[in-house]
Each structure stands twice: as structure tokens, then as C-alpha cells.
Amino acid sequence: QVELTETGGGLVQAGGSLTLSCIGFGTFFNTHTVAWFRQAPGKDREFVGGIHSTGDARNYGDSVKGRFTVSRDYAKNTVYLQMTNLKPGDTAVYYCAAQRGGGIPPPTMHSFEYDYWGQGTQVTVSS
């Protein structure tokens, strides 16, 4: 069993930066692939980016490529989402999710393939 907690959300101006953290509690968190998703009001949940359990493979949604970076610190059981050049369209609740066993790289973009979810953290980008 793994529990996930996201931190770091907040209000930021367009063009600014923000880093979210996903802390994993539980056995073998570091063997899980971890991804970030987001959901804006009235919209479907969207894949943002993910990092494989090995740390070697990452992938990103088209809307954030070149602006967002996913990384992980195994010693701290933490996965990060560094967001730069933020836009109002990035406003959403951001969730981290973990997939047991890691899966085949790169991280899957399908939310139903993730086994554990955090409670989410709000990111608001003002224009």
C-alpha cells in the first residue's frame, strides 16, 4: 500500500514558476512509476508528465513539453514537477499517481493504469 501527498501548489503569475512535490509513504514506493495529472473545472483529467520507476524514462503531455520537468529523489521518496513559463491554461488541480511494479517504460499516459492517487493540490495561474 502506498499513500501519496502533494505539496507546493499556490497562486502564481503568468510566466512564473512553481515546483510541486509528491511524497510517497509505504513499502516499495521507489519501485513505482509516478505520474502527474491535472484536472481543470469542466475538463477531463489530463496527463502532465511521468517518470519510470528506474528514473531512466520520462514523458510529457504535449501542452507542457519544454516547460515542465519531472524528477525524483529516491532518498527522499519524492517526485517533483518543476513548472516554468506558466500560463493561465495551466490552472488546475494537480494530482500525483503511482503505478505498482513500474510498468513498461515510458510511463503510461492512461490514468486507469495507476493504482494510487494523492488528494491533489491547486495551482492557479493569473494573467
Foldseek 3Di string as FASTA:
>chain_A
DKAKAKDWADEAAAQAKTKIKIAIDDPPLLQWKKFKWWDDPPDDIFTAKIAFSVRPAMDGDPVQPPFWDWGDDPVRNMIMIIGGNDDQVVWTWMKMFIAPRRDDDDDDGDPVRTDYIYPTDTHGYHD
